[in-house]
Each structure stands twice: as structure tokens, then as C-alpha cells.
């Protein structure tokens, strides 16, 4: 059985730690048997983090040494300025040398970077720390093939969310800088509005949540009455539930219809609504 070792380093993101456990624990083979063995590995009780909070401490069922021999090692996010213990660095280097797959998400990317495993390779991390990763590890090409911007909080002008991010300005500026050839920018619901603030949707066919359409149009977006709008390197979707259709469309575009319909079967959801495609998307 494919063994997945999730490294629970001190200060690990509480959400980040649970995501791979949930995903791989529920994956099943066609005969219904488990596809993966999950090992959460730590040498001692570790503190998890959720923003500035430390919601709980945990004792992992496996030690770090038990990650040796795993087929895949996953490093969830920790503080970007946290220096991983030399034991962790050695473990990742040895695992990579033996042929194991090394994966990270969010700020976990700083750990394999510290181990030298990303030199000469493309990597990504949380958008707020992308510049930091690139500056600290200049031999790593920091970027992604797909940037997805979710929505939420656009109508709530006095609370965190899209509106607050637009007013702060950091996110639209980062998105404007991130745009480059080869990158597909995608947004769901009112996640289109920071893209609009960044100038990325002006005179481009798009869609957004129905309550934001007038604002979006006033800012220069060309609103299409479709659930998903594909304009090549810019793909947008309407209200929040259309996120499923956006994901399925992106999978279909990248991997083909068999992959997309297989995913529909797994999710027990059939893609619905109109996908509007431009000539740029057809090329």
C-alpha cells in the first residue's frame, strides 16, 4: 500500500495538518479498499496554529523516523520564518534520494527549499510569502501554472473579506505582478473583484456573483451570462456553488473529458450551466 507520511512540525497549521489526512484517508480503490496508509509523524507533542491562535497540542502516533520509507512525504504549512530542525532537513534529503515523492503546501514549501530540494525547480507557496521564498532561495523559480481567487465578504464592508482586501490593496497589487505568460488566472464568485481592481479583467469577458455584476461591469469587465467564462488565461465563475463547475472545467481543459467525468462520479455532482468560451480559449 502507498504510504503517505504527513510531517507534523511544531507550529504546523491546524487546517493544513488535517487536509492531507482527510483526503488520503478517504481515497478508495475500485474494489473499495483503502488506497493509502496515513502516518502523522512528529518526535514530540507539537503545537498547532490557526493564525495567531494555538488551538491545541497533539501527540502524533508515529515518530519522524517512521516517515523513512514512505512513498510520499507531505510538509504542511508552518511559520515562513521558522527554521526546520536539522533532523527534518536530513529526513527530506534522504527520502528524496531514495525516490520518495516530496510534497508541501502553503508555507510548508520553505522546508524542502531549506533542504535544497527545490533548487533549479519551479515551486509555489502562500501568495503573501512568494516574494520571500524567491528572495531567500534564488535558485528556485517561484510561481504557479494556475492562480485561483475565491470570493466572499464583498458585500460586508465592515468585516474581513474581498472588500477589505481591495481597500488594503496588497492582494490586487500582488495579482497584477503575478500575471505572466503561461499563468492561468481563475476566480470564483466575488474573487473576480480583486482581479478587477488589479486591472486584469478590463475589456475581458468574465462572470461573477450576480450581486457584483453591475460593479464589475462599471469597472470595465465584459459580463457574460454564463456559469463559467473561459477567456484563455482568464477563467471566471459565478456564485459560490459554481466553484464545482469551475474546477471540473479546468480539469477537463487540462486533462480531458474522461478525467472530468471521473471526478464528477467521485464527487457525485454533474457539471451544469453554460461554459462560455472565447476564441482565445479555443486556441
C-alpha atoms as a PDB file:
ATOM      1  CA  UNK A   1       0.000   0.000   0.000  1.00  0.00           C
ATOM      2  CA  UNK A   2       1.160   3.531  -0.790  1.00  0.00           C
ATOM      3  CA  UNK A   3       2.350   5.115   2.466  1.00  0.00           C
ATOM      4  CA  UNK A   4       1.815   8.863   2.955  1.00  0.00           C
ATOM      5  CA  UNK A   5       3.749  10.455   5.818  1.00  0.00           C
ATOM      6  CA  UNK A   6       2.490  13.856   6.975  1.00  0.00           C
ATOM      7  CA  UNK A   7       5.129  15.738   8.957  1.00  0.00           C
ATOM      8  CA  UNK A   8       3.619  17.492  11.969  1.00  0.00           C
ATOM      9  CA  UNK A   9       6.296  20.081  12.721  1.00  0.00           C
ATOM     10  CA  UNK A  10       5.931  22.368  15.710  1.00  0.00           C
ATOM     11  CA  UNK A  11       3.665  25.301  14.840  1.00  0.00           C
ATOM     12  CA  UNK A  12       2.018  23.398  11.998  1.00  0.00           C
ATOM     13  CA  UNK A  13      -1.172  24.873  10.546  1.00  0.00           C
ATOM     14  CA  UNK A  14      -4.132  23.141  12.179  1.00  0.00           C
ATOM     15  CA  UNK A  15      -6.079  23.134   8.905  1.00  0.00           C
ATOM     16  CA  UNK A  16      -3.010  22.238   6.872  1.00  0.00           C
ATOM     17  CA  UNK A  17      -2.314  19.195   9.009  1.00  0.00           C
ATOM     18  CA  UNK A  18      -5.804  17.773   8.667  1.00  0.00           C
ATOM     19  CA  UNK A  19      -6.302  18.335   4.926  1.00  0.00           C
ATOM     20  CA  UNK A  20      -3.961  15.595   3.615  1.00  0.00           C
ATOM     21  CA  UNK A  21      -5.157  13.216   6.333  1.00  0.00           C
ATOM     22  CA  UNK A  22      -8.768  13.658   5.231  1.00  0.00           C
ATOM     23  CA  UNK A  23      -8.058  13.495   1.504  1.00  0.00           C
ATOM     24  CA  UNK A  24      -5.852  10.409   1.506  1.00  0.00           C
ATOM     25  CA  UNK A  25      -7.786   8.580   4.233  1.00  0.00           C
ATOM     26  CA  UNK A  26     -10.979   8.672   2.165  1.00  0.00           C
ATOM     27  CA  UNK A  27      -9.386   7.716  -1.159  1.00  0.00           C
ATOM     28  CA  UNK A  28     -10.508   4.240  -2.231  1.00  0.00           C
ATOM     29  CA  UNK A  29      -9.530   1.770  -4.927  1.00  0.00           C
ATOM     30  CA  UNK A  30     -12.188   0.439  -7.340  1.00  0.00           C
ATOM     31  CA  UNK A  31     -12.741  -2.567  -5.050  1.00  0.00           C
ATOM     32  CA  UNK A  32     -13.459  -0.254  -2.100  1.00  0.00           C
ATOM     33  CA  UNK A  33     -10.219  -0.913  -0.240  1.00  0.00           C
ATOM     34  CA  UNK A  34      -8.112   1.908   1.194  1.00  0.00           C
ATOM     35  CA  UNK A  35      -5.638   3.328  -1.329  1.00  0.00           C
ATOM     36  CA  UNK A  36      -3.240   4.877   1.193  1.00  0.00           C
ATOM     37  CA  UNK A  37      -1.783   4.303   4.629  1.00  0.00           C
ATOM     38  CA  UNK A  38      -1.526   7.631   6.508  1.00  0.00           C
ATOM     39  CA  UNK A  39       1.218   8.309   9.043  1.00  0.00           C
ATOM     40  CA  UNK A  40       1.241  11.556  11.010  1.00  0.00           C
ATOM     41  CA  UNK A  41       4.836  11.885  12.177  1.00  0.00           C
ATOM     42  CA  UNK A  42       6.366  14.033  14.940  1.00  0.00           C
ATOM     43  CA  UNK A  43       9.061  13.463  17.524  1.00  0.00           C
ATOM     44  CA  UNK A  44       7.151  15.062  20.389  1.00  0.00           C
ATOM     45  CA  UNK A  45       3.935  16.837  21.245  1.00  0.00           C
ATOM     46  CA  UNK A  46       3.586  19.765  18.867  1.00  0.00           C
ATOM     47  CA  UNK A  47       1.557  22.957  18.983  1.00  0.00           C
ATOM     48  CA  UNK A  48      -0.741  23.683  16.071  1.00  0.00           C
ATOM     49  CA  UNK A  49      -1.521  27.188  14.858  1.00  0.00           C
ATOM     50  CA  UNK A  50      -4.559  28.893  13.367  1.00  0.00           C
ATOM     51  CA  UNK A  51      -3.438  32.435  12.616  1.00  0.00           C
ATOM     52  CA  UNK A  52      -2.161  33.843  15.901  1.00  0.00           C
ATOM     53  CA  UNK A  53      -4.040  31.259  17.939  1.00  0.00           C
ATOM     54  CA  UNK A  54      -2.692  27.938  19.188  1.00  0.00           C
ATOM     55  CA  UNK A  55      -5.877  25.868  19.311  1.00  0.00           C
ATOM     56  CA  UNK A  56      -4.410  22.572  20.518  1.00  0.00           C
ATOM     57  CA  UNK A  57      -1.378  20.393  21.069  1.00  0.00           C
ATOM     58  CA  UNK A  58      -1.139  16.900  19.722  1.00  0.00           C
ATOM     59  CA  UNK A  59       0.937  13.792  20.098  1.00  0.00           C
ATOM     60  CA  UNK A  60       1.450  12.010  16.793  1.00  0.00           C
ATOM     61  CA  UNK A  61       1.137   8.218  16.552  1.00  0.00           C
ATOM     62  CA  UNK A  62       4.415   7.996  14.599  1.00  0.00           C
ATOM     63  CA  UNK A  63       7.886   9.443  15.163  1.00  0.00           C
ATOM     64  CA  UNK A  64       9.726  11.376  12.455  1.00  0.00           C
ATOM     65  CA  UNK A  65      11.880   8.298  11.845  1.00  0.00           C
ATOM     66  CA  UNK A  66       8.725   6.415  10.813  1.00  0.00           C
ATOM     67  CA  UNK A  67       8.481   8.661   7.760  1.00  0.00           C
ATOM     68  CA  UNK A  68      11.542   6.913   6.315  1.00  0.00           C
ATOM     69  CA  UNK A  69      10.493   4.548   3.580  1.00  0.00           C
ATOM     70  CA  UNK A  70       7.191   6.347   2.950  1.00  0.00           C
ATOM     71  CA  UNK A  71       6.220   6.676  -0.697  1.00  0.00           C
ATOM     72  CA  UNK A  72       5.147  10.295  -0.220  1.00  0.00           C
ATOM     73  CA  UNK A  73       6.180  12.823   2.443  1.00  0.00           C
ATOM     74  CA  UNK A  74       3.977  15.906   2.887  1.00  0.00           C
ATOM     75  CA  UNK A  75       5.021  19.088   4.680  1.00  0.00           C
ATOM     76  CA  UNK A  76       2.035  21.263   5.702  1.00  0.00           C
ATOM     77  CA  UNK A  77       2.474  24.963   6.413  1.00  0.00           C
ATOM     78  CA  UNK A  78       4.492  26.359   9.300  1.00  0.00           C
ATOM     79  CA  UNK A  79       5.696  29.893  10.012  1.00  0.00           C
ATOM     80  CA  UNK A  80       7.632  31.094   6.972  1.00  0.00           C
ATOM     81  CA  UNK A  81      10.492  32.351   9.151  1.00  0.00           C
ATOM     82  CA  UNK A  82      10.714  29.141  11.164  1.00  0.00           C
ATOM     83  CA  UNK A  83      13.967  27.220  10.751  1.00  0.00           C
ATOM     84  CA  UNK A  84      13.284  23.470  10.475  1.00  0.00           C
ATOM     85  CA  UNK A  85      15.269  21.177  12.739  1.00  0.00           C
ATOM     86  CA  UNK A  86      18.333  19.593  11.055  1.00  0.00           C
ATOM     87  CA  UNK A  87      16.700  16.172  11.579  1.00  0.00           C
ATOM     88  CA  UNK A  88      13.808  17.240   9.352  1.00  0.00           C
ATOM     89  CA  UNK A  89      16.176  18.546   6.677  1.00  0.00           C
ATOM     90  CA  UNK A  90      18.152  15.273   6.719  1.00  0.00           C
ATOM     91  CA  UNK A  91      14.952  13.246   6.579  1.00  0.00           C
ATOM     92  CA  UNK A  92      13.718  15.056   3.467  1.00  0.00           C
ATOM     93  CA  UNK A  93      17.084  14.799   1.724  1.00  0.00           C
ATOM     94  CA  UNK A  94      17.332  11.076   2.440  1.00  0.00           C
ATOM     95  CA  UNK A  95      13.727  10.494   1.353  1.00  0.00           C
ATOM     96  CA  UNK A  96      14.247  12.357  -1.921  1.00  0.00           C
ATOM     97  CA  UNK A  97      17.471  10.457  -2.593  1.00  0.00           C
ATOM     98  CA  UNK A  98      15.669   7.148  -2.059  1.00  0.00           C
ATOM     99  CA  UNK A  99      12.947   8.024  -4.568  1.00  0.00           C
ATOM    100  CA  UNK A 100      10.125   9.182  -2.302  1.00  0.00           C
ATOM    101  CA  UNK A 101       7.793  11.906  -3.508  1.00  0.00           C
ATOM    102  CA  UNK A 102       8.116  15.150  -1.525  1.00  0.00           C
ATOM    103  CA  UNK A 103       5.120  17.469  -1.364  1.00  0.00           C
ATOM    104  CA  UNK A 104       4.362  20.663   0.503  1.00  0.00           C
ATOM    105  CA  UNK A 105       1.614  23.216   0.565  1.00  0.00           C
ATOM    106  CA  UNK A 106       1.256  26.745   1.782  1.00  0.00           C
ATOM    107  CA  UNK A 107       4.378  27.853   3.691  1.00  0.00           C
ATOM    108  CA  UNK A 108       5.497  24.246   4.033  1.00  0.00           C
ATOM    109  CA  UNK A 109       7.449  24.957   0.818  1.00  0.00           C
ATOM    110  CA  UNK A 110      10.139  26.676   2.887  1.00  0.00           C
ATOM    111  CA  UNK A 111      11.122  23.328   4.419  1.00  0.00           C
ATOM    112  CA  UNK A 112      12.074  21.401   1.220  1.00  0.00           C
ATOM    113  CA  UNK A 113      13.636  24.655  -0.004  1.00  0.00           C
ATOM    114  CA  UNK A 114      15.824  24.675   3.106  1.00  0.00           C
ATOM    115  CA  UNK A 115      16.771  21.076   2.325  1.00  0.00           C
ATOM    116  CA  UNK A 116      17.901  22.116  -1.167  1.00  0.00           C
ATOM    117  CA  UNK A 117      15.259  20.020  -2.874  1.00  0.00           C
ATOM    118  CA  UNK A 118      13.791  22.886  -4.892  1.00  0.00           C
ATOM    119  CA  UNK A 119      16.989  24.164  -6.488  1.00  0.00           C
ATOM    120  CA  UNK A 120      16.525  24.585 -10.224  1.00  0.00           C
ATOM    121  CA  UNK A 121      12.844  23.723  -9.939  1.00  0.00           C
ATOM    122  CA  UNK A 122       9.524  25.563 -10.016  1.00  0.00           C
ATOM    123  CA  UNK A 123       7.671  25.857  -6.720  1.00  0.00           C
ATOM    124  CA  UNK A 124       4.873  27.815  -5.145  1.00  0.00           C
ATOM    125  CA  UNK A 125       3.718  28.834  -1.673  1.00  0.00           C
ATOM    126  CA  UNK A 126       1.186  31.099   0.014  1.00  0.00           C
ATOM    127  CA  UNK A 127       0.953  34.237  -2.101  1.00  0.00           C
ATOM    128  CA  UNK A 128       1.912  36.506   0.796  1.00  0.00           C
ATOM    129  CA  UNK A 129       5.249  34.725   1.140  1.00  0.00           C
ATOM    130  CA  UNK A 130       6.074  34.097  -2.520  1.00  0.00           C
ATOM    131  CA  UNK A 131       8.478  37.036  -2.729  1.00  0.00           C
ATOM    132  CA  UNK A 132      10.160  35.913   0.494  1.00  0.00           C
ATOM    133  CA  UNK A 133      10.646  32.385  -0.851  1.00  0.00           C
ATOM    134  CA  UNK A 134      12.117  33.734  -4.082  1.00  0.00           C
ATOM    135  CA  UNK A 135      14.449  36.103  -2.215  1.00  0.00           C
ATOM    136  CA  UNK A 136      15.713  33.503   0.256  1.00  0.00           C
ATOM    137  CA  UNK A 137      16.135  30.777  -2.358  1.00  0.00           C
ATOM    138  CA  UNK A 138      17.105  32.455  -5.656  1.00  0.00           C
ATOM    139  CA  UNK A 139      17.746  29.100  -7.356  1.00  0.00           C
ATOM    140  CA  UNK A 140      14.048  28.285  -7.016  1.00  0.00           C
ATOM    141  CA  UNK A 141      11.608  29.528  -9.659  1.00  0.00           C
ATOM    142  CA  UNK A 142       8.645  30.655  -7.595  1.00  0.00           C
ATOM    143  CA  UNK A 143       5.354  30.569  -9.465  1.00  0.00           C
ATOM    144  CA  UNK A 144       2.337  28.505 -10.386  1.00  0.00           C
ATOM    145  CA  UNK A 145       0.530  27.381 -13.518  1.00  0.00           C
ATOM    146  CA  UNK A 146      -2.887  28.226 -12.082  1.00  0.00           C
ATOM    147  CA  UNK A 147      -3.911  31.010  -9.689  1.00  0.00           C
ATOM    148  CA  UNK A 148      -7.389  30.632  -8.152  1.00  0.00           C
ATOM    149  CA  UNK A 149      -9.015  33.519  -6.277  1.00  0.00           C
ATOM    150  CA  UNK A 150     -12.096  32.651  -4.173  1.00  0.00           C
ATOM    151  CA  UNK A 151     -14.641  35.277  -3.151  1.00  0.00           C
ATOM    152  CA  UNK A 152     -16.552  36.179  -0.029  1.00  0.00           C
ATOM    153  CA  UNK A 153     -17.067  39.312   2.013  1.00  0.00           C
ATOM    154  CA  UNK A 154     -17.602  41.726  -0.862  1.00  0.00           C
ATOM    155  CA  UNK A 155     -20.966  42.938   0.455  1.00  0.00           C
ATOM    156  CA  UNK A 156     -19.725  43.133   4.069  1.00  0.00           C
ATOM    157  CA  UNK A 157     -17.866  46.434   4.027  1.00  0.00           C
ATOM    158  CA  UNK A 158     -17.021  46.373   7.759  1.00  0.00           C
ATOM    159  CA  UNK A 159     -15.518  42.888   8.069  1.00  0.00           C
ATOM    160  CA  UNK A 160     -12.705  40.766   6.604  1.00  0.00           C
ATOM    161  CA  UNK A 161     -13.132  39.563   3.045  1.00  0.00           C
ATOM    162  CA  UNK A 162     -12.782  40.616  -0.554  1.00  0.00           C
ATOM    163  CA  UNK A 163     -13.841  44.243   0.015  1.00  0.00           C
ATOM    164  CA  UNK A 164     -11.305  44.680   2.816  1.00  0.00           C
ATOM    165  CA  UNK A 165      -8.555  43.160   0.665  1.00  0.00           C
ATOM    166  CA  UNK A 166      -9.380  45.530  -2.185  1.00  0.00           C
ATOM    167  CA  UNK A 167      -9.215  48.518   0.163  1.00  0.00           C
ATOM    168  CA  UNK A 168      -5.938  47.300   1.640  1.00  0.00           C
ATOM    169  CA  UNK A 169      -4.543  47.000  -1.868  1.00  0.00           C
ATOM    170  CA  UNK A 170      -1.949  44.314  -1.202  1.00  0.00           C
ATOM    171  CA  UNK A 171      -3.808  41.480  -2.914  1.00  0.00           C
ATOM    172  CA  UNK A 172      -4.667  43.339  -6.149  1.00  0.00           C
ATOM    173  CA  UNK A 173      -1.072  44.560  -6.423  1.00  0.00           C
ATOM    174  CA  UNK A 174       0.245  41.020  -5.943  1.00  0.00           C
ATOM    175  CA  UNK A 175      -2.164  39.694  -8.561  1.00  0.00           C
ATOM    176  CA  UNK A 176      -1.166  42.367 -11.058  1.00  0.00           C
ATOM    177  CA  UNK A 177       2.502  41.478 -10.600  1.00  0.00           C
ATOM    178  CA  UNK A 178       1.809  37.718 -10.738  1.00  0.00           C
ATOM    179  CA  UNK A 179       0.241  37.848 -14.212  1.00  0.00           C
ATOM    180  CA  UNK A 180       2.667  36.382 -16.762  1.00  0.00           C
ATOM    181  CA  UNK A 181       2.639  34.237 -19.915  1.00  0.00           C
ATOM    182  CA  UNK A 182       1.806  30.635 -19.062  1.00  0.00           C
ATOM    183  CA  UNK A 183      -0.205  31.501 -15.935  1.00  0.00           C
ATOM    184  CA  UNK A 184      -3.948  30.901 -15.930  1.00  0.00           C
ATOM    185  CA  UNK A 185      -5.771  33.251 -13.558  1.00  0.00           C
ATOM    186  CA  UNK A 186      -9.095  31.966 -12.282  1.00  0.00           C
ATOM    187  CA  UNK A 187     -11.649  33.465  -9.929  1.00  0.00           C
ATOM    188  CA  UNK A 188     -14.818  32.297  -8.265  1.00  0.00           C
ATOM    189  CA  UNK A 189     -17.755  34.395  -7.157  1.00  0.00           C
ATOM    190  CA  UNK A 190     -16.601  37.848  -5.965  1.00  0.00           C
ATOM    191  CA  UNK A 191     -12.987  36.711  -6.203  1.00  0.00           C
ATOM    192  CA  UNK A 192     -13.226  38.442  -9.571  1.00  0.00           C
ATOM    193  CA  UNK A 193     -13.389  41.837  -7.870  1.00  0.00           C
ATOM    194  CA  UNK A 194      -9.746  41.940  -6.680  1.00  0.00           C
ATOM    195  CA  UNK A 195      -8.791  40.938 -10.238  1.00  0.00           C
ATOM    196  CA  UNK A 196     -10.835  43.867 -11.467  1.00  0.00           C
ATOM    197  CA  UNK A 197      -9.062  46.165  -9.006  1.00  0.00           C
ATOM    198  CA  UNK A 198      -5.767  44.838 -10.391  1.00  0.00           C
ATOM    199  CA  UNK A 199      -6.866  45.761 -13.917  1.00  0.00           C
ATOM    200  CA  UNK A 200      -6.797  42.150 -15.091  1.00  0.00           C
ATOM    201  CA  UNK A 201     -10.425  41.961 -16.243  1.00  0.00           C
ATOM    202  CA  UNK A 202     -10.767  45.235 -18.142  1.00  0.00           C
ATOM    203  CA  UNK A 203     -12.350  44.603 -21.553  1.00  0.00           C
ATOM    204  CA  UNK A 204     -12.223  40.855 -20.874  1.00  0.00           C
ATOM    205  CA  UNK A 205     -15.246  38.515 -20.921  1.00  0.00           C
ATOM    206  CA  UNK A 206     -15.937  37.328 -17.368  1.00  0.00           C
ATOM    207  CA  UNK A 207     -18.643  36.496 -14.886  1.00  0.00           C
ATOM    208  CA  UNK A 208     -19.082  36.977 -11.159  1.00  0.00           C
ATOM    209  CA  UNK A 209     -21.690  36.752  -8.394  1.00  0.00           C
ATOM    210  CA  UNK A 210     -24.943  38.275  -9.646  1.00  0.00           C
ATOM    211  CA  UNK A 211     -24.919  40.943  -6.919  1.00  0.00           C
ATOM    212  CA  UNK A 212     -21.498  42.199  -8.028  1.00  0.00           C
ATOM    213  CA  UNK A 213     -22.144  42.190 -11.771  1.00  0.00           C
ATOM    214  CA  UNK A 214     -23.008  45.878 -12.050  1.00  0.00           C
ATOM    215  CA  UNK A 215     -19.885  46.939 -10.129  1.00  0.00           C
ATOM    216  CA  UNK A 216     -17.830  44.572 -12.215  1.00  0.00           C
ATOM    217  CA  UNK A 217     -19.236  45.945 -15.443  1.00  0.00           C
ATOM    218  CA  UNK A 218     -18.775  49.558 -14.283  1.00  0.00           C
ATOM    219  CA  UNK A 219     -15.083  48.760 -13.738  1.00  0.00           C
ATOM    220  CA  UNK A 220     -14.627  47.625 -17.336  1.00  0.00           C
ATOM    221  CA  UNK A 221     -15.368  43.917 -17.224  1.00  0.00           C
ATOM    222  CA  UNK A 222     -17.438  42.419 -20.045  1.00  0.00           C
ATOM    223  CA  UNK A 223     -20.053  40.391 -18.179  1.00  0.00           C
ATOM    224  CA  UNK A 224     -21.286  37.176 -19.809  1.00  0.00           C
ATOM    225  CA  UNK A 225     -24.425  35.425 -18.631  1.00  0.00           C
ATOM    226  CA  UNK A 226     -22.776  32.062 -18.057  1.00  0.00           C
ATOM    227  CA  UNK A 227     -21.852  29.866 -15.119  1.00  0.00           C
ATOM    228  CA  UNK A 228     -18.206  29.673 -16.238  1.00  0.00           C
ATOM    229  CA  UNK A 229     -16.441  32.010 -18.680  1.00  0.00           C
ATOM    230  CA  UNK A 230     -13.196  30.834 -20.281  1.00  0.00           C
ATOM    231  CA  UNK A 231     -11.119  33.512 -21.993  1.00  0.00           C
ATOM    232  CA  UNK A 232      -7.911  31.520 -22.290  1.00  0.00           C
ATOM    233  CA  UNK A 233      -5.623  32.675 -19.497  1.00  0.00           C
ATOM    234  CA  UNK A 234      -8.562  34.139 -17.542  1.00  0.00           C
ATOM    235  CA  UNK A 235     -11.322  31.790 -16.329  1.00  0.00           C
ATOM    236  CA  UNK A 236     -14.094  33.017 -14.038  1.00  0.00           C
ATOM    237  CA  UNK A 237     -17.192  31.522 -12.420  1.00  0.00           C
ATOM    238  CA  UNK A 238     -20.403  32.915 -10.940  1.00  0.00           C
ATOM    239  CA  UNK A 239     -21.800  32.339  -7.427  1.00  0.00           C
ATOM    240  CA  UNK A 240     -20.152  30.116  -4.852  1.00  0.00           C
ATOM    241  CA  UNK A 241     -21.643  26.767  -5.958  1.00  0.00           C
ATOM    242  CA  UNK A 242     -20.301  27.331  -9.469  1.00  0.00           C
ATOM    243  CA  UNK A 243     -16.873  26.667  -7.968  1.00  0.00           C
ATOM    244  CA  UNK A 244     -17.537  22.980  -8.598  1.00  0.00           C
ATOM    245  CA  UNK A 245     -18.222  23.704 -12.251  1.00  0.00           C
ATOM    246  CA  UNK A 246     -15.126  25.884 -12.461  1.00  0.00           C
ATOM    247  CA  UNK A 247     -12.956  23.113 -11.038  1.00  0.00           C
ATOM    248  CA  UNK A 248     -14.453  20.496 -13.314  1.00  0.00           C
ATOM    249  CA  UNK A 249     -13.981  22.725 -16.350  1.00  0.00           C
ATOM    250  CA  UNK A 250     -10.329  23.377 -15.507  1.00  0.00           C
ATOM    251  CA  UNK A 251      -9.747  19.635 -15.075  1.00  0.00           C
ATOM    252  CA  UNK A 252     -11.467  18.937 -18.393  1.00  0.00           C
ATOM    253  CA  UNK A 253      -9.385  21.609 -20.105  1.00  0.00           C
ATOM    254  CA  UNK A 254      -6.121  20.278 -18.686  1.00  0.00           C
ATOM    255  CA  UNK A 255      -6.664  16.513 -18.554  1.00  0.00           C
ATOM    256  CA  UNK A 256      -9.581  15.823 -20.884  1.00  0.00           C
ATOM    257  CA  UNK A 257     -13.219  14.729 -20.550  1.00  0.00           C
ATOM    258  CA  UNK A 258     -12.531  11.287 -19.065  1.00  0.00           C
ATOM    259  CA  UNK A 259     -10.713  12.823 -16.095  1.00  0.00           C
ATOM    260  CA  UNK A 260     -13.505  15.352 -15.606  1.00  0.00           C
ATOM    261  CA  UNK A 261     -16.329  12.816 -15.767  1.00  0.00           C
ATOM    262  CA  UNK A 262     -14.418  10.527 -13.418  1.00  0.00           C
ATOM    263  CA  UNK A 263     -14.182  13.405 -10.969  1.00  0.00           C
ATOM    264  CA  UNK A 264     -17.900  14.071 -11.368  1.00  0.00           C
ATOM    265  CA  UNK A 265     -18.601  10.468 -10.396  1.00  0.00           C
ATOM    266  CA  UNK A 266     -16.384  10.716  -7.332  1.00  0.00           C
ATOM    267  CA  UNK A 267     -17.998  13.993  -6.224  1.00  0.00           C
ATOM    268  CA  UNK A 268     -21.497  12.742  -7.110  1.00  0.00           C
ATOM    269  CA  UNK A 269     -22.025  16.015  -8.932  1.00  0.00           C
ATOM    270  CA  UNK A 270     -22.711  16.632 -12.612  1.00  0.00           C
ATOM    271  CA  UNK A 271     -21.393  19.824 -14.188  1.00  0.00           C
ATOM    272  CA  UNK A 272     -24.228  22.180 -15.054  1.00  0.00           C
ATOM    273  CA  UNK A 273     -24.824  25.524 -16.651  1.00  0.00           C
ATOM    274  CA  UNK A 274     -23.203  27.162 -19.643  1.00  0.00           C
ATOM    275  CA  UNK A 275     -19.447  27.415 -20.153  1.00  0.00           C
ATOM    276  CA  UNK A 276     -18.826  30.437 -22.378  1.00  0.00           C
ATOM    277  CA  UNK A 277     -15.553  30.116 -24.285  1.00  0.00           C
ATOM    278  CA  UNK A 278     -13.765  32.738 -26.337  1.00  0.00           C
ATOM    279  CA  UNK A 279     -11.622  32.285 -29.417  1.00  0.00           C
ATOM    280  CA  UNK A 280      -8.563  32.669 -27.177  1.00  0.00           C
ATOM    281  CA  UNK A 281      -9.705  29.688 -25.105  1.00  0.00           C
ATOM    282  CA  UNK A 282     -10.186  27.567 -28.218  1.00  0.00           C
ATOM    283  CA  UNK A 283      -6.581  28.035 -29.349  1.00  0.00           C
END
